[in-house]
Structures are given as C-alpha cells and as structure tokens.
Amino acid sequence: MPSTMSNIFVAFEMLRPERGDEKIREAIEAFGCSWARINKNVFYLHGDVDAQTVGNKVWNAMNMDDKLVVIDSTKNDARWYNIKPEISQFLISNWHA
C-alpha cells in the first residue's frame, strides 16, 4: 500500500531561547523529508511522517519547560506538549467539533 505524504507544521516556543534551537533543527532534519523553516519558531515538513512521530521526536530534543505544537494538516491531526491545561482542553473540545 502506498504511503501518504503529509503536510506537517511544527511550532515551538523555548523558555530560554539563548540555549539555541540546534537540537530542534537536527530533529527536523533527521526525518529525511523535505522541510522549510517558515520563521524562527515554525517549521514545515513534507514527507512520510505523522504528527505523533514528529511530536515525540522533536519534544525529546526540547526541555520540559518549552512548548510544542505539531499539526498534520493532511490528516487533520495534532499533538501538543506543555501547553496550559485549559488550552489543551479547548483544543480537544473544538478540534473536530
């Protein structure tokens, strides 16, 4: 069965940006798919990946006080890490509403 190429957006915020974001960029590059850096804190990936895989690997490159949102616009799926509980609940309540 052929795989579906996904359009993934990765948006992040680092609590201490002075640490640099090399590990995040390296995690993005490691997927081996086409990617572009849209701005300082947003990447776009196009390839045979999904939101959960991208989210887990990028999150592992970040600190626990950072924030991460990964959106697979092809599959209408998203993952988020370390965002406020009320925002998380809002997303859960409204994503497929």
PDB file of N, CA and C in Angstrom:
ATOM      1  N   MET A   1       0.842  -1.180   0.000  1.00  0.00           N
ATOM      2  CA  MET A   1       0.000   0.000   0.000  1.00  0.00           C
ATOM      3  C   MET A   1       0.890   1.247   0.000  1.00  0.00           C
ATOM      4  N   PRO A   2       0.662   2.198  -0.916  1.00  0.00           N
ATOM      5  CA  PRO A   2       1.495   3.394  -0.957  1.00  0.00           C
ATOM      6  C   PRO A   2       1.257   4.283   0.259  1.00  0.00           C
ATOM      7  N   SER A   3       2.315   4.930   0.687  1.00  0.00           N
ATOM      8  CA  SER A   3       2.191   5.812   1.844  1.00  0.00           C
ATOM      9  C   SER A   3       1.699   7.186   1.394  1.00  0.00           C
ATOM     10  N   THR A   4       1.112   7.895   2.308  1.00  0.00           N
ATOM     11  CA  THR A   4       0.615   9.234   2.032  1.00  0.00           C
ATOM     12  C   THR A   4       1.610  10.253   2.549  1.00  0.00           C
ATOM     13  N   MET A   5       1.981  11.173   1.701  1.00  0.00           N
ATOM     14  CA  MET A   5       2.873  12.243   2.119  1.00  0.00           C
ATOM     15  C   MET A   5       2.055  13.251   2.930  1.00  0.00           C
ATOM     16  N   SER A   6       2.592  13.654   4.048  1.00  0.00           N
ATOM     17  CA  SER A   6       1.876  14.554   4.953  1.00  0.00           C
ATOM     18  C   SER A   6       2.449  15.957   4.923  1.00  0.00           C
ATOM     19  N   ASN A   7       1.604  16.910   5.223  1.00  0.00           N
ATOM     20  CA  ASN A   7       1.996  18.306   5.428  1.00  0.00           C
ATOM     21  C   ASN A   7       1.944  18.558   6.925  1.00  0.00           C
ATOM     22  N   ILE A   8       3.117  18.721   7.527  1.00  0.00           N
ATOM     23  CA  ILE A   8       3.235  18.857   8.977  1.00  0.00           C
ATOM     24  C   ILE A   8       3.793  20.241   9.311  1.00  0.00           C
ATOM     25  N   PHE A   9       3.166  20.896  10.267  1.00  0.00           N
ATOM     26  CA  PHE A   9       3.673  22.161  10.788  1.00  0.00           C
ATOM     27  C   PHE A   9       4.119  21.943  12.229  1.00  0.00           C
ATOM     28  N   VAL A  10       5.292  22.440  12.554  1.00  0.00           N
ATOM     29  CA  VAL A  10       5.867  22.327  13.892  1.00  0.00           C
ATOM     30  C   VAL A  10       6.093  23.741  14.410  1.00  0.00           C
ATOM     31  N   ALA A  11       5.396  24.090  15.474  1.00  0.00           N
ATOM     32  CA  ALA A  11       5.539  25.406  16.095  1.00  0.00           C
ATOM     33  C   ALA A  11       6.008  25.201  17.529  1.00  0.00           C
ATOM     34  N   PHE A  12       7.004  25.972  17.921  1.00  0.00           N
ATOM     35  CA  PHE A  12       7.558  25.787  19.255  1.00  0.00           C
ATOM     36  C   PHE A  12       7.910  27.120  19.898  1.00  0.00           C
ATOM     37  N   GLU A  13       8.018  27.071  21.216  1.00  0.00           N
ATOM     38  CA  GLU A  13       8.464  28.219  21.994  1.00  0.00           C
ATOM     39  C   GLU A  13       9.445  27.697  23.028  1.00  0.00           C
ATOM     40  N   MET A  14      10.582  28.334  23.079  1.00  0.00           N
ATOM     41  CA  MET A  14      11.595  27.941  24.053  1.00  0.00           C
ATOM     42  C   MET A  14      11.586  28.947  25.194  1.00  0.00           C
ATOM     43  N   LEU A  15      11.511  28.445  26.424  1.00  0.00           N
ATOM     44  CA  LEU A  15      11.517  29.334  27.575  1.00  0.00           C
ATOM     45  C   LEU A  15      12.840  30.099  27.654  1.00  0.00           C
ATOM     46  N   ARG A  16      13.912  29.411  27.304  1.00  0.00           N
ATOM     47  CA  ARG A  16      15.237  30.047  27.305  1.00  0.00           C
ATOM     48  C   ARG A  16      15.845  29.960  25.906  1.00  0.00           C
ATOM     49  N   PRO A  17      15.434  30.855  25.011  1.00  0.00           N
ATOM     50  CA  PRO A  17      15.907  30.775  23.624  1.00  0.00           C
ATOM     51  C   PRO A  17      17.416  30.964  23.472  1.00  0.00           C
ATOM     52  N   GLU A  18      18.050  31.512  24.492  1.00  0.00           N
ATOM     53  CA  GLU A  18      19.503  31.706  24.412  1.00  0.00           C
ATOM     54  C   GLU A  18      20.248  30.370  24.345  1.00  0.00           C
ATOM     55  N   ARG A  19      19.586  29.274  24.706  1.00  0.00           N
ATOM     56  CA  ARG A  19      20.197  27.945  24.604  1.00  0.00           C
ATOM     57  C   ARG A  19      20.410  27.546  23.149  1.00  0.00           C
ATOM     58  N   GLY A  20      19.681  28.175  22.251  1.00  0.00           N
ATOM     59  CA  GLY A  20      19.745  27.809  20.848  1.00  0.00           C
ATOM     60  C   GLY A  20      18.784  26.682  20.530  1.00  0.00           C
ATOM     61  N   ASP A  21      18.468  26.560  19.262  1.00  0.00           N
ATOM     62  CA  ASP A  21      17.495  25.555  18.839  1.00  0.00           C
ATOM     63  C   ASP A  21      18.092  24.526  17.886  1.00  0.00           C
ATOM     64  N   GLU A  22      19.399  24.326  17.973  1.00  0.00           N
ATOM     65  CA  GLU A  22      20.072  23.385  17.082  1.00  0.00           C
ATOM     66  C   GLU A  22      19.507  21.970  17.204  1.00  0.00           C
ATOM     67  N   LYS A  23      19.200  21.533  18.419  1.00  0.00           N
ATOM     68  CA  LYS A  23      18.668  20.178  18.613  1.00  0.00           C
ATOM     69  C   LYS A  23      17.308  20.021  17.945  1.00  0.00           C
ATOM     70  N   ILE A  24      16.506  21.066  17.974  1.00  0.00           N
ATOM     71  CA  ILE A  24      15.200  21.013  17.319  1.00  0.00           C
ATOM     72  C   ILE A  24      15.388  20.906  15.813  1.00  0.00           C
ATOM     73  N   ARG A  25      16.248  21.739  15.252  1.00  0.00           N
ATOM     74  CA  ARG A  25      16.518  21.693  13.819  1.00  0.00           C
ATOM     75  C   ARG A  25      17.075  20.330  13.422  1.00  0.00           C
ATOM     76  N   GLU A  26      17.982  19.794  14.221  1.00  0.00           N
ATOM     77  CA  GLU A  26      18.556  18.476  13.937  1.00  0.00           C
ATOM     78  C   GLU A  26      17.482  17.387  13.963  1.00  0.00           C
ATOM     79  N   ALA A  27      16.542  17.485  14.899  1.00  0.00           N
ATOM     80  CA  ALA A  27      15.449  16.511  14.953  1.00  0.00           C
ATOM     81  C   ALA A  27      14.591  16.604  13.693  1.00  0.00           C
ATOM     82  N   ILE A  28      14.324  17.812  13.231  1.00  0.00           N
ATOM     83  CA  ILE A  28      13.547  18.021  12.000  1.00  0.00           C
ATOM     84  C   ILE A  28      14.297  17.416  10.809  1.00  0.00           C
ATOM     85  N   GLU A  29      15.583  17.704  10.696  1.00  0.00           N
ATOM     86  CA  GLU A  29      16.385  17.196   9.581  1.00  0.00           C
ATOM     87  C   GLU A  29      16.458  15.671   9.587  1.00  0.00           C
ATOM     88  N   ALA A  30      16.427  15.058  10.763  1.00  0.00           N
ATOM     89  CA  ALA A  30      16.597  13.610  10.887  1.00  0.00           C
ATOM     90  C   ALA A  30      15.436  12.823  10.265  1.00  0.00           C
ATOM     91  N   PHE A  31      14.304  13.456  10.032  1.00  0.00           N
ATOM     92  CA  PHE A  31      13.186  12.741   9.416  1.00  0.00           C
ATOM     93  C   PHE A  31      13.469  12.414   7.953  1.00  0.00           C
ATOM     94  N   GLY A  32      14.420  13.120   7.346  1.00  0.00           N
ATOM     95  CA  GLY A  32      14.788  12.837   5.969  1.00  0.00           C
ATOM     96  C   GLY A  32      13.752  13.239   4.941  1.00  0.00           C
ATOM     97  N   CYS A  33      12.870  14.139   5.312  1.00  0.00           N
ATOM     98  CA  CYS A  33      11.858  14.597   4.356  1.00  0.00           C
ATOM     99  C   CYS A  33      12.139  16.051   3.983  1.00  0.00           C
ATOM    100  N   SER A  34      11.377  16.552   3.036  1.00  0.00           N
ATOM    101  CA  SER A  34      11.518  17.956   2.646  1.00  0.00           C
ATOM    102  C   SER A  34      11.032  18.837   3.789  1.00  0.00           C
ATOM    103  N   TRP A  35      11.753  19.910   4.043  1.00  0.00           N
ATOM    104  CA  TRP A  35      11.327  20.807   5.108  1.00  0.00           C
ATOM    105  C   TRP A  35      11.782  22.228   4.810  1.00  0.00           C
ATOM    106  N   ALA A  36      11.126  23.172   5.445  1.00  0.00           N
ATOM    107  CA  ALA A  36      11.490  24.583   5.352  1.00  0.00           C
ATOM    108  C   ALA A  36      11.231  25.226   6.699  1.00  0.00           C
ATOM    109  N   ARG A  37      12.054  26.199   7.005  1.00  0.00           N
ATOM    110  CA  ARG A  37      11.836  26.975   8.225  1.00  0.00           C
ATOM    111  C   ARG A  37      11.047  28.213   7.825  1.00  0.00           C
ATOM    112  N   ILE A  38       9.799  28.289   8.263  1.00  0.00           N
ATOM    113  CA  ILE A  38       8.927  29.394   7.872  1.00  0.00           C
ATOM    114  C   ILE A  38       9.318  30.673   8.599  1.00  0.00           C
ATOM    115  N   ASN A  39       9.553  30.557   9.880  1.00  0.00           N
ATOM    116  CA  ASN A  39      10.073  31.678  10.658  1.00  0.00           C
ATOM    117  C   ASN A  39      10.878  31.101  11.817  1.00  0.00           C
ATOM    118  N   LYS A  40      11.260  31.926  12.757  1.00  0.00           N
ATOM    119  CA  LYS A  40      12.140  31.486  13.840  1.00  0.00           C
ATOM    120  C   LYS A  40      11.618  30.259  14.588  1.00  0.00           C
ATOM    121  N   ASN A  41      10.312  30.167  14.775  1.00  0.00           N
ATOM    122  CA  ASN A  41       9.741  29.112  15.615  1.00  0.00           C
ATOM    123  C   ASN A  41       8.749  28.200  14.898  1.00  0.00           C
ATOM    124  N   VAL A  42       8.762  28.194  13.565  1.00  0.00           N
ATOM    125  CA  VAL A  42       7.833  27.345  12.817  1.00  0.00           C
ATOM    126  C   VAL A  42       8.562  26.653  11.666  1.00  0.00           C
ATOM    127  N   PHE A  43       8.398  25.330  11.608  1.00  0.00           N
ATOM    128  CA  PHE A  43       8.918  24.528  10.506  1.00  0.00           C
ATOM    129  C   PHE A  43       7.745  23.910   9.753  1.00  0.00           C
ATOM    130  N   TYR A  44       7.971  23.646   8.472  1.00  0.00           N
ATOM    131  CA  TYR A  44       7.028  22.880   7.652  1.00  0.00           C
ATOM    132  C   TYR A  44       7.780  21.663   7.147  1.00  0.00           C
ATOM    133  N   LEU A  45       7.145  20.487   7.253  1.00  0.00           N
ATOM    134  CA  LEU A  45       7.726  19.246   6.751  1.00  0.00           C
ATOM    135  C   LEU A  45       6.762  18.622   5.755  1.00  0.00           C
ATOM    136  N   HIS A  46       7.309  18.028   4.710  1.00  0.00           N
ATOM    137  CA  HIS A  46       6.506  17.284   3.737  1.00  0.00           C
ATOM    138  C   HIS A  46       7.169  15.935   3.549  1.00  0.00           C
ATOM    139  N   GLY A  47       6.478  14.890   3.972  1.00  0.00           N
ATOM    140  CA  GLY A  47       7.065  13.571   3.841  1.00  0.00           C
ATOM    141  C   GLY A  47       6.199  12.496   4.450  1.00  0.00           C
ATOM    142  N   ASP A  48       6.763  11.315   4.528  1.00  0.00           N
ATOM    143  CA  ASP A  48       6.055  10.153   5.058  1.00  0.00           C
ATOM    144  C   ASP A  48       6.247  10.098   6.573  1.00  0.00           C
ATOM    145  N   VAL A  49       5.630  11.058   7.263  1.00  0.00           N
ATOM    146  CA  VAL A  49       5.700  11.173   8.722  1.00  0.00           C
ATOM    147  C   VAL A  49       4.298  11.508   9.237  1.00  0.00           C
ATOM    148  N   ASP A  50       4.123  11.396  10.545  1.00  0.00           N
ATOM    149  CA  ASP A  50       2.837  11.753  11.137  1.00  0.00           C
ATOM    150  C   ASP A  50       3.074  12.641  12.358  1.00  0.00           C
ATOM    151  N   ALA A  51       2.007  13.256  12.824  1.00  0.00           N
ATOM    152  CA  ALA A  51       2.101  14.214  13.928  1.00  0.00           C
ATOM    153  C   ALA A  51       2.656  13.578  15.194  1.00  0.00           C
ATOM    154  N   GLN A  52       2.234  12.364  15.495  1.00  0.00           N
ATOM    155  CA  GLN A  52       2.688  11.723  16.722  1.00  0.00           C
ATOM    156  C   GLN A  52       4.192  11.446  16.678  1.00  0.00           C
ATOM    157  N   THR A  53       4.683  10.898  15.584  1.00  0.00           N
ATOM    158  CA  THR A  53       6.112  10.604  15.461  1.00  0.00           C
ATOM    159  C   THR A  53       6.935  11.882  15.510  1.00  0.00           C
ATOM    160  N   VAL A  54       6.514  12.879  14.740  1.00  0.00           N
ATOM    161  CA  VAL A  54       7.240  14.152  14.726  1.00  0.00           C
ATOM    162  C   VAL A  54       7.214  14.780  16.108  1.00  0.00           C
ATOM    163  N   GLY A  55       6.045  14.819  16.727  1.00  0.00           N
ATOM    164  CA  GLY A  55       5.921  15.420  18.050  1.00  0.00           C
ATOM    165  C   GLY A  55       6.814  14.753  19.075  1.00  0.00           C
ATOM    166  N   ASN A  56       6.796  13.429  19.113  1.00  0.00           N
ATOM    167  CA  ASN A  56       7.610  12.715  20.101  1.00  0.00           C
ATOM    168  C   ASN A  56       9.098  12.971  19.911  1.00  0.00           C
ATOM    169  N   LYS A  57       9.559  12.929  18.674  1.00  0.00           N
ATOM    170  CA  LYS A  57      10.998  13.104  18.428  1.00  0.00           C
ATOM    171  C   LYS A  57      11.453  14.536  18.647  1.00  0.00           C
ATOM    172  N   VAL A  58      10.645  15.494  18.212  1.00  0.00           N
ATOM    173  CA  VAL A  58      11.021  16.896  18.431  1.00  0.00           C
ATOM    174  C   VAL A  58      10.955  17.218  19.925  1.00  0.00           C
ATOM    175  N   TRP A  59       9.916  16.743  20.611  1.00  0.00           N
ATOM    176  CA  TRP A  59       9.796  17.001  22.043  1.00  0.00           C
ATOM    177  C   TRP A  59      10.996  16.446  22.802  1.00  0.00           C
ATOM    178  N   ASN A  60      11.508  15.305  22.389  1.00  0.00           N
ATOM    179  CA  ASN A  60      12.695  14.730  23.034  1.00  0.00           C
ATOM    180  C   ASN A  60      13.926  15.612  22.879  1.00  0.00           C
ATOM    181  N   ALA A  61      13.928  16.501  21.897  1.00  0.00           N
ATOM    182  CA  ALA A  61      15.043  17.418  21.682  1.00  0.00           C
ATOM    183  C   ALA A  61      14.869  18.725  22.451  1.00  0.00           C
ATOM    184  N   MET A  62      13.754  18.861  23.142  1.00  0.00           N
ATOM    185  CA  MET A  62      13.442  20.105  23.833  1.00  0.00           C
ATOM    186  C   MET A  62      13.522  19.920  25.346  1.00  0.00           C
ATOM    187  N   ASN A  63      13.450  21.025  26.068  1.00  0.00           N
ATOM    188  CA  ASN A  63      13.389  20.983  27.527  1.00  0.00           C
ATOM    189  C   ASN A  63      11.933  20.941  27.974  1.00  0.00           C
ATOM    190  N   MET A  64      11.720  20.422  29.165  1.00  0.00           N
ATOM    191  CA  MET A  64      10.362  20.252  29.683  1.00  0.00           C
ATOM    192  C   MET A  64       9.623  21.577  29.895  1.00  0.00           C
ATOM    193  N   ASP A  65      10.325  22.690  29.931  1.00  0.00           N
ATOM    194  CA  ASP A  65       9.656  23.973  30.119  1.00  0.00           C
ATOM    195  C   ASP A  65       9.334  24.662  28.786  1.00  0.00           C
ATOM    196  N   ASP A  66       9.712  24.042  27.659  1.00  0.00           N
ATOM    197  CA  ASP A  66       9.385  24.579  26.342  1.00  0.00           C
ATOM    198  C   ASP A  66       7.950  24.204  25.983  1.00  0.00           C
ATOM    199  N   LYS A  67       7.486  24.717  24.848  1.00  0.00           N
ATOM    200  CA  LYS A  67       6.143  24.410  24.360  1.00  0.00           C
ATOM    201  C   LYS A  67       6.253  23.961  22.903  1.00  0.00           C
ATOM    202  N   LEU A  68       5.386  23.006  22.524  1.00  0.00           N
ATOM    203  CA  LEU A  68       5.436  22.459  21.176  1.00  0.00           C
ATOM    204  C   LEU A  68       4.029  22.120  20.700  1.00  0.00           C
ATOM    205  N   VAL A  69       3.745  22.469  19.446  1.00  0.00           N
ATOM    206  CA  VAL A  69       2.508  22.070  18.780  1.00  0.00           C
ATOM    207  C   VAL A  69       2.894  21.529  17.409  1.00  0.00           C
ATOM    208  N   VAL A  70       2.385  20.340  17.080  1.00  0.00           N
ATOM    209  CA  VAL A  70       2.640  19.708  15.791  1.00  0.00           C
ATOM    210  C   VAL A  70       1.289  19.449  15.136  1.00  0.00           C
ATOM    211  N   ILE A  71       1.111  19.960  13.917  1.00  0.00           N
ATOM    212  CA  ILE A  71      -0.152  19.823  13.205  1.00  0.00           C
ATOM    213  C   ILE A  71       0.088  19.116  11.882  1.00  0.00           C
ATOM    214  N   ASP A  72      -0.628  18.027  11.679  1.00  0.00           N
ATOM    215  CA  ASP A  72      -0.624  17.318  10.403  1.00  0.00           C
ATOM    216  C   ASP A  72      -1.861  17.788   9.654  1.00  0.00           C
ATOM    217  N   SER A  73      -1.674  18.727   8.732  1.00  0.00           N
ATOM    218  CA  SER A  73      -2.829  19.297   8.029  1.00  0.00           C
ATOM    219  C   SER A  73      -3.411  18.330   7.001  1.00  0.00           C
ATOM    220  N   THR A  74      -2.651  17.335   6.600  1.00  0.00           N
ATOM    221  CA  THR A  74      -3.160  16.346   5.658  1.00  0.00           C
ATOM    222  C   THR A  74      -4.179  15.426   6.325  1.00  0.00           C
ATOM    223  N   LYS A  75      -3.870  15.019   7.547  1.00  0.00           N
ATOM    224  CA  LYS A  75      -4.727  14.071   8.264  1.00  0.00           C
ATOM    225  C   LYS A  75      -5.603  14.738   9.323  1.00  0.00           C
ATOM    226  N   ASN A  76      -5.531  16.069   9.413  1.00  0.00           N
ATOM    227  CA  ASN A  76      -6.307  16.817  10.408  1.00  0.00           C
ATOM    228  C   ASN A  76      -6.047  16.278  11.813  1.00  0.00           C
ATOM    229  N   ASP A  77      -4.774  16.133  12.128  1.00  0.00           N
ATOM    230  CA  ASP A  77      -4.354  15.589  13.414  1.00  0.00           C
ATOM    231  C   ASP A  77      -3.371  16.565  14.048  1.00  0.00           C
ATOM    232  N   ALA A  78      -3.289  16.551  15.367  1.00  0.00           N
ATOM    233  CA  ALA A  78      -2.367  17.444  16.061  1.00  0.00           C
ATOM    234  C   ALA A  78      -1.912  16.821  17.371  1.00  0.00           C
ATOM    235  N   ARG A  79      -0.742  17.257  17.791  1.00  0.00           N
ATOM    236  CA  ARG A  79      -0.174  16.884  19.098  1.00  0.00           C
ATOM    237  C   ARG A  79       0.384  18.159  19.717  1.00  0.00           C
ATOM    238  N   TRP A  80       0.268  18.261  21.036  1.00  0.00           N
ATOM    239  CA  TRP A  80       0.819  19.424  21.718  1.00  0.00           C
ATOM    240  C   TRP A  80       1.441  18.988  23.020  1.00  0.00           C
ATOM    241  N   TYR A  81       2.425  19.759  23.442  1.00  0.00           N
ATOM    242  CA  TYR A  81       3.243  19.403  24.595  1.00  0.00           C
ATOM    243  C   TYR A  81       3.459  20.648  25.449  1.00  0.00           C
ATOM    244  N   ASN A  82       3.181  20.500  26.732  1.00  0.00           N
ATOM    245  CA  ASN A  82       3.437  21.532  27.736  1.00  0.00           C
ATOM    246  C   ASN A  82       2.687  22.836  27.463  1.00  0.00           C
ATOM    247  N   ILE A  83       1.441  22.713  27.049  1.00  0.00           N
ATOM    248  CA  ILE A  83       0.624  23.921  26.948  1.00  0.00           C
ATOM    249  C   ILE A  83      -0.343  23.930  28.124  1.00  0.00           C
ATOM    250  N   LYS A  84      -0.912  25.075  28.416  1.00  0.00           N
ATOM    251  CA  LYS A  84      -1.798  25.205  29.565  1.00  0.00           C
ATOM    252  C   LYS A  84      -2.955  24.212  29.462  1.00  0.00           C
ATOM    253  N   PRO A  85      -3.340  23.617  30.596  1.00  0.00           N
ATOM    254  CA  PRO A  85      -4.429  22.633  30.574  1.00  0.00           C
ATOM    255  C   PRO A  85      -5.721  23.173  29.954  1.00  0.00           C
ATOM    256  N   GLU A  86      -6.041  24.419  30.209  1.00  0.00           N
ATOM    257  CA  GLU A  86      -7.282  24.967  29.652  1.00  0.00           C
ATOM    258  C   GLU A  86      -7.198  25.112  28.127  1.00  0.00           C
ATOM    259  N   ILE A  87      -6.020  25.395  27.609  1.00  0.00           N
ATOM    260  CA  ILE A  87      -5.837  25.468  26.154  1.00  0.00           C
ATOM    261  C   ILE A  87      -5.913  24.064  25.561  1.00  0.00           C
ATOM    262  N   SER A  88      -5.288  23.110  26.229  1.00  0.00           N
ATOM    263  CA  SER A  88      -5.359  21.723  25.778  1.00  0.00           C
ATOM    264  C   SER A  88      -6.813  21.258  25.726  1.00  0.00           C
ATOM    265  N   GLN A  89      -7.573  21.547  26.754  1.00  0.00           N
ATOM    266  CA  GLN A  89      -8.978  21.149  26.779  1.00  0.00           C
ATOM    267  C   GLN A  89      -9.766  21.842  25.682  1.00  0.00           C
ATOM    268  N   PHE A  90      -9.476  23.105  25.440  1.00  0.00           N
ATOM    269  CA  PHE A  90     -10.129  23.840  24.350  1.00  0.00           C
ATOM    270  C   PHE A  90      -9.868  23.158  23.011  1.00  0.00           C
ATOM    271  N   LEU A  91      -8.615  22.780  22.774  1.00  0.00           N
ATOM    272  CA  LEU A  91      -8.282  22.097  21.518  1.00  0.00           C
ATOM    273  C   LEU A  91      -9.014  20.761  21.409  1.00  0.00           C
ATOM    274  N   ILE A  92      -8.994  19.995  22.480  1.00  0.00           N
ATOM    275  CA  ILE A  92      -9.694  18.701  22.480  1.00  0.00           C
ATOM    276  C   ILE A  92     -11.181  18.892  22.192  1.00  0.00           C
ATOM    277  N   SER A  93     -11.788  19.891  22.811  1.00  0.00           N
ATOM    278  CA  SER A  93     -13.228  20.129  22.653  1.00  0.00           C
ATOM    279  C   SER A  93     -13.602  20.647  21.270  1.00  0.00           C
ATOM    280  N   ASN A  94     -12.691  21.368  20.625  1.00  0.00           N
ATOM    281  CA  ASN A  94     -13.047  22.050  19.393  1.00  0.00           C
ATOM    282  C   ASN A  94     -12.424  21.482  18.114  1.00  0.00           C
ATOM    283  N   TRP A  95     -11.424  20.635  18.225  1.00  0.00           N
ATOM    284  CA  TRP A  95     -10.682  20.192  17.044  1.00  0.00           C
ATOM    285  C   TRP A  95     -11.595  19.579  16.000  1.00  0.00           C
ATOM    286  N   HIS A  96     -12.458  18.666  16.388  1.00  0.00           N
ATOM    287  CA  HIS A  96     -13.341  18.011  15.423  1.00  0.00           C
ATOM    288  C   HIS A  96     -14.798  18.416  15.588  1.00  0.00           C
ATOM    289  N   ALA A  97     -15.032  19.530  16.258  1.00  0.00           N
ATOM    290  CA  ALA A  97     -16.413  19.985  16.507  1.00  0.00           C
ATOM    291  C   ALA A  97     -17.080  20.470  15.231  1.00  0.00           C
TER     292      ALA A  97
END
